[in-house]
């Protein structure tokens, strides 16, 4: 995935999270972000990575997001890998 496509997907994920009245407060609490932070940092690649990291914490969230946007279930991981800091960790 190209980095530009990853930016778009991360912003779609943010919009999806913001539209979920139950999940959105969890996202804010987990990231420590405020509503103002969302406006200020939505274009920041590090914050976009945090959005995708949060989304990928639960397979049900990934499935629901991808189903709503007609994306393959691997799309969030591919987008995260395209953003800085998203390279897979090699523990060996």
N, C-alpha and C. Protein backbone atom coordinates (compact mmCIF):
# COMPACT_ATOMS: atom_id res chain seq x y z
N UNK A 1 0.85 -1.18 0.00
CA UNK A 1 0.00 0.00 0.00
C UNK A 1 0.89 1.23 0.00
N UNK A 2 0.51 2.20 -0.79
CA UNK A 2 1.23 3.47 -0.85
C UNK A 2 0.88 4.30 0.39
N UNK A 3 1.81 5.18 0.76
CA UNK A 3 1.61 5.97 1.97
C UNK A 3 0.37 6.87 1.86
N UNK A 4 0.10 7.42 0.68
CA UNK A 4 -1.08 8.27 0.51
C UNK A 4 -2.37 7.48 0.77
N UNK A 5 -2.43 6.26 0.29
CA UNK A 5 -3.60 5.40 0.55
C UNK A 5 -3.70 5.08 2.03
N UNK A 6 -2.57 4.91 2.69
CA UNK A 6 -2.57 4.64 4.13
C UNK A 6 -3.12 5.84 4.91
N UNK A 7 -2.77 7.06 4.48
CA UNK A 7 -3.31 8.26 5.13
C UNK A 7 -4.84 8.28 5.02
N UNK A 8 -5.34 7.99 3.83
CA UNK A 8 -6.78 7.99 3.60
C UNK A 8 -7.46 6.94 4.47
N UNK A 9 -6.90 5.75 4.52
CA UNK A 9 -7.49 4.68 5.31
C UNK A 9 -7.49 5.04 6.80
N UNK A 10 -6.42 5.64 7.28
CA UNK A 10 -6.36 6.04 8.68
C UNK A 10 -7.43 7.08 9.00
N UNK A 11 -7.66 8.01 8.10
CA UNK A 11 -8.69 9.02 8.32
C UNK A 11 -10.08 8.40 8.25
N UNK A 12 -10.26 7.42 7.39
CA UNK A 12 -11.53 6.68 7.35
C UNK A 12 -11.75 5.95 8.68
N UNK A 13 -10.69 5.38 9.20
CA UNK A 13 -10.79 4.67 10.48
C UNK A 13 -11.14 5.65 11.60
N UNK A 14 -10.55 6.83 11.58
CA UNK A 14 -10.86 7.83 12.59
C UNK A 14 -12.34 8.23 12.51
N UNK A 15 -12.83 8.44 11.31
CA UNK A 15 -14.24 8.80 11.13
C UNK A 15 -15.14 7.66 11.61
N UNK A 16 -14.74 6.43 11.31
CA UNK A 16 -15.52 5.27 11.74
C UNK A 16 -15.56 5.19 13.26
N UNK A 17 -14.41 5.40 13.90
CA UNK A 17 -14.36 5.38 15.36
C UNK A 17 -15.21 6.50 15.96
N UNK A 18 -15.12 7.69 15.38
CA UNK A 18 -15.85 8.84 15.90
C UNK A 18 -17.37 8.65 15.78
N UNK A 19 -17.80 7.86 14.83
CA UNK A 19 -19.23 7.62 14.63
C UNK A 19 -19.80 6.57 15.58
N UNK A 20 -18.94 5.87 16.29
CA UNK A 20 -19.38 4.83 17.22
C UNK A 20 -19.42 5.39 18.63
N UNK A 21 -20.63 5.61 19.14
CA UNK A 21 -20.80 6.24 20.45
C UNK A 21 -20.20 5.46 21.61
N UNK A 22 -20.09 4.14 21.46
CA UNK A 22 -19.52 3.33 22.53
C UNK A 22 -18.00 3.21 22.41
N UNK A 23 -17.51 3.07 21.19
CA UNK A 23 -16.08 2.84 20.98
C UNK A 23 -15.26 4.13 21.01
N UNK A 24 -15.85 5.22 20.59
CA UNK A 24 -15.10 6.48 20.50
C UNK A 24 -14.52 6.92 21.85
N UNK A 25 -15.28 6.89 22.95
CA UNK A 25 -14.67 7.26 24.24
C UNK A 25 -13.52 6.32 24.63
N UNK A 26 -13.64 5.06 24.27
CA UNK A 26 -12.56 4.11 24.54
C UNK A 26 -11.31 4.51 23.78
N UNK A 27 -11.48 4.88 22.52
CA UNK A 27 -10.36 5.35 21.71
C UNK A 27 -9.72 6.58 22.34
N UNK A 28 -10.52 7.56 22.74
CA UNK A 28 -9.98 8.77 23.35
C UNK A 28 -9.21 8.44 24.63
N UNK A 29 -9.78 7.58 25.46
CA UNK A 29 -9.11 7.20 26.71
C UNK A 29 -7.82 6.45 26.44
N UNK A 30 -7.83 5.55 25.48
CA UNK A 30 -6.65 4.74 25.19
C UNK A 30 -5.51 5.57 24.61
N UNK A 31 -5.85 6.56 23.80
CA UNK A 31 -4.81 7.38 23.16
C UNK A 31 -4.47 8.62 23.97
N UNK A 32 -5.34 8.99 24.91
CA UNK A 32 -5.13 10.22 25.66
C UNK A 32 -5.44 11.46 24.85
N UNK A 33 -6.09 11.27 23.71
CA UNK A 33 -6.41 12.39 22.81
C UNK A 33 -7.71 13.06 23.26
N UNK A 34 -7.79 14.35 22.97
CA UNK A 34 -9.02 15.10 23.18
C UNK A 34 -9.63 15.39 21.81
N UNK A 35 -10.83 15.93 21.82
CA UNK A 35 -11.47 16.30 20.55
C UNK A 35 -10.59 17.31 19.81
N UNK A 36 -10.02 18.25 20.52
CA UNK A 36 -9.12 19.23 19.91
C UNK A 36 -7.90 18.57 19.28
N UNK A 37 -7.38 17.55 19.96
CA UNK A 37 -6.23 16.82 19.41
C UNK A 37 -6.59 16.18 18.07
N UNK A 38 -7.81 15.66 17.98
CA UNK A 38 -8.22 15.02 16.74
C UNK A 38 -8.18 16.00 15.58
N UNK A 39 -8.68 17.19 15.81
CA UNK A 39 -8.65 18.22 14.76
C UNK A 39 -7.21 18.62 14.43
N UNK A 40 -6.41 18.78 15.45
CA UNK A 40 -5.04 19.25 15.26
C UNK A 40 -4.10 18.19 14.70
N UNK A 41 -4.35 16.93 15.04
CA UNK A 41 -3.38 15.88 14.71
C UNK A 41 -3.85 14.86 13.68
N UNK A 42 -5.04 15.03 13.13
CA UNK A 42 -5.56 14.05 12.19
C UNK A 42 -4.62 13.83 11.01
N UNK A 43 -3.91 14.85 10.59
CA UNK A 43 -3.00 14.72 9.46
C UNK A 43 -1.60 14.26 9.84
N UNK A 44 -1.34 14.10 11.12
CA UNK A 44 -0.02 13.69 11.62
C UNK A 44 0.14 12.18 11.43
N UNK A 45 1.19 11.77 10.73
CA UNK A 45 1.37 10.34 10.44
C UNK A 45 1.55 9.51 11.70
N UNK A 46 2.15 10.06 12.73
CA UNK A 46 2.30 9.31 13.98
C UNK A 46 0.93 9.07 14.63
N UNK A 47 0.07 10.07 14.60
CA UNK A 47 -1.27 9.91 15.15
C UNK A 47 -2.09 8.95 14.30
N UNK A 48 -1.91 9.01 12.99
CA UNK A 48 -2.61 8.07 12.11
C UNK A 48 -2.19 6.64 12.43
N UNK A 49 -0.92 6.46 12.73
CA UNK A 49 -0.45 5.13 13.14
C UNK A 49 -1.13 4.69 14.42
N UNK A 50 -1.31 5.61 15.37
CA UNK A 50 -1.98 5.28 16.63
C UNK A 50 -3.44 4.91 16.38
N UNK A 51 -4.07 5.57 15.43
CA UNK A 51 -5.46 5.24 15.08
C UNK A 51 -5.53 3.80 14.59
N UNK A 52 -4.65 3.46 13.68
CA UNK A 52 -4.65 2.10 13.12
C UNK A 52 -4.25 1.07 14.17
N UNK A 53 -3.29 1.41 15.01
CA UNK A 53 -2.89 0.49 16.09
C UNK A 53 -4.09 0.19 16.99
N UNK A 54 -4.84 1.24 17.34
CA UNK A 54 -6.02 1.04 18.18
C UNK A 54 -7.05 0.15 17.48
N UNK A 55 -7.34 0.46 16.23
CA UNK A 55 -8.32 -0.32 15.48
C UNK A 55 -7.95 -1.80 15.46
N UNK A 56 -6.67 -2.08 15.28
CA UNK A 56 -6.23 -3.47 15.15
C UNK A 56 -6.13 -4.21 16.48
N UNK A 57 -6.48 -3.55 17.57
CA UNK A 57 -6.47 -4.21 18.87
C UNK A 57 -7.57 -5.27 18.99
N UNK A 58 -8.59 -5.18 18.15
CA UNK A 58 -9.71 -6.11 18.26
C UNK A 58 -10.14 -6.54 16.86
N UNK A 59 -10.14 -7.83 16.64
CA UNK A 59 -10.53 -8.35 15.32
C UNK A 59 -11.95 -7.94 14.93
N UNK A 60 -12.84 -7.85 15.91
CA UNK A 60 -14.22 -7.46 15.61
C UNK A 60 -14.26 -6.03 15.06
N UNK A 61 -13.43 -5.15 15.59
CA UNK A 61 -13.38 -3.78 15.08
C UNK A 61 -12.86 -3.75 13.65
N UNK A 62 -11.81 -4.52 13.40
CA UNK A 62 -11.25 -4.59 12.04
C UNK A 62 -12.30 -5.09 11.06
N UNK A 63 -12.98 -6.14 11.43
CA UNK A 63 -14.00 -6.73 10.55
C UNK A 63 -15.12 -5.72 10.28
N UNK A 64 -15.61 -5.08 11.32
CA UNK A 64 -16.71 -4.11 11.16
C UNK A 64 -16.27 -2.93 10.28
N UNK A 65 -15.08 -2.41 10.54
CA UNK A 65 -14.57 -1.28 9.75
C UNK A 65 -14.40 -1.69 8.29
N UNK A 66 -13.75 -2.80 8.07
CA UNK A 66 -13.49 -3.25 6.70
C UNK A 66 -14.78 -3.60 5.96
N UNK A 67 -15.71 -4.23 6.64
CA UNK A 67 -16.99 -4.55 6.01
C UNK A 67 -17.72 -3.27 5.60
N UNK A 68 -17.71 -2.28 6.45
CA UNK A 68 -18.40 -1.02 6.15
C UNK A 68 -17.78 -0.31 4.95
N UNK A 69 -16.46 -0.45 4.79
CA UNK A 69 -15.76 0.26 3.71
C UNK A 69 -15.40 -0.66 2.54
N UNK A 70 -15.91 -1.88 2.55
CA UNK A 70 -15.65 -2.86 1.47
C UNK A 70 -14.15 -3.03 1.23
N UNK A 71 -13.43 -3.21 2.33
CA UNK A 71 -11.98 -3.40 2.28
C UNK A 71 -11.62 -4.82 2.69
N UNK A 72 -10.51 -5.34 2.20
CA UNK A 72 -10.05 -6.63 2.72
C UNK A 72 -9.63 -6.47 4.18
N UNK A 73 -9.75 -7.53 4.94
CA UNK A 73 -9.43 -7.46 6.36
C UNK A 73 -7.96 -7.17 6.63
N UNK A 74 -7.14 -7.32 5.63
CA UNK A 74 -5.71 -7.03 5.77
C UNK A 74 -5.39 -5.55 5.52
N UNK A 75 -6.35 -4.76 5.11
CA UNK A 75 -6.10 -3.36 4.75
C UNK A 75 -5.55 -2.52 5.90
N UNK A 76 -6.11 -2.59 7.12
CA UNK A 76 -5.54 -1.78 8.19
C UNK A 76 -4.07 -2.12 8.48
N UNK A 77 -3.73 -3.39 8.46
CA UNK A 77 -2.34 -3.79 8.69
C UNK A 77 -1.43 -3.29 7.57
N UNK A 78 -1.89 -3.38 6.34
CA UNK A 78 -1.10 -2.88 5.21
C UNK A 78 -0.92 -1.37 5.31
N UNK A 79 -1.97 -0.67 5.72
CA UNK A 79 -1.87 0.78 5.88
C UNK A 79 -0.89 1.12 7.00
N UNK A 80 -0.97 0.38 8.10
CA UNK A 80 -0.06 0.65 9.23
C UNK A 80 1.39 0.42 8.82
N UNK A 81 1.62 -0.60 8.03
CA UNK A 81 2.98 -0.90 7.57
C UNK A 81 3.51 0.18 6.64
N UNK A 82 2.63 0.88 5.96
CA UNK A 82 3.04 1.94 5.03
C UNK A 82 3.37 3.25 5.73
N UNK A 83 2.95 3.38 6.98
CA UNK A 83 3.22 4.60 7.75
C UNK A 83 4.50 4.43 8.57
N UNK A 84 5.15 5.54 8.91
CA UNK A 84 6.36 5.45 9.73
C UNK A 84 6.10 4.71 11.04
N UNK A 85 7.04 3.84 11.39
CA UNK A 85 6.93 3.08 12.63
C UNK A 85 6.07 1.84 12.51
N UNK A 86 5.61 1.55 11.30
CA UNK A 86 4.71 0.42 11.12
C UNK A 86 5.37 -0.84 10.64
N UNK A 87 6.68 -0.82 10.51
CA UNK A 87 7.38 -2.02 10.05
C UNK A 87 7.22 -3.15 11.07
N UNK A 88 7.11 -4.37 10.61
CA UNK A 88 6.98 -5.49 11.55
C UNK A 88 8.20 -5.58 12.47
N UNK A 89 7.95 -5.95 13.69
CA UNK A 89 9.02 -6.10 14.67
C UNK A 89 9.57 -7.51 14.55
N UNK A 90 10.87 -7.62 14.42
CA UNK A 90 11.54 -8.93 14.37
C UNK A 90 12.20 -9.16 15.72
N UNK A 91 11.69 -10.13 16.44
CA UNK A 91 12.16 -10.37 17.80
C UNK A 91 13.36 -11.31 17.86
N UNK A 92 13.79 -11.81 16.74
CA UNK A 92 14.94 -12.72 16.75
C UNK A 92 16.19 -12.05 16.27
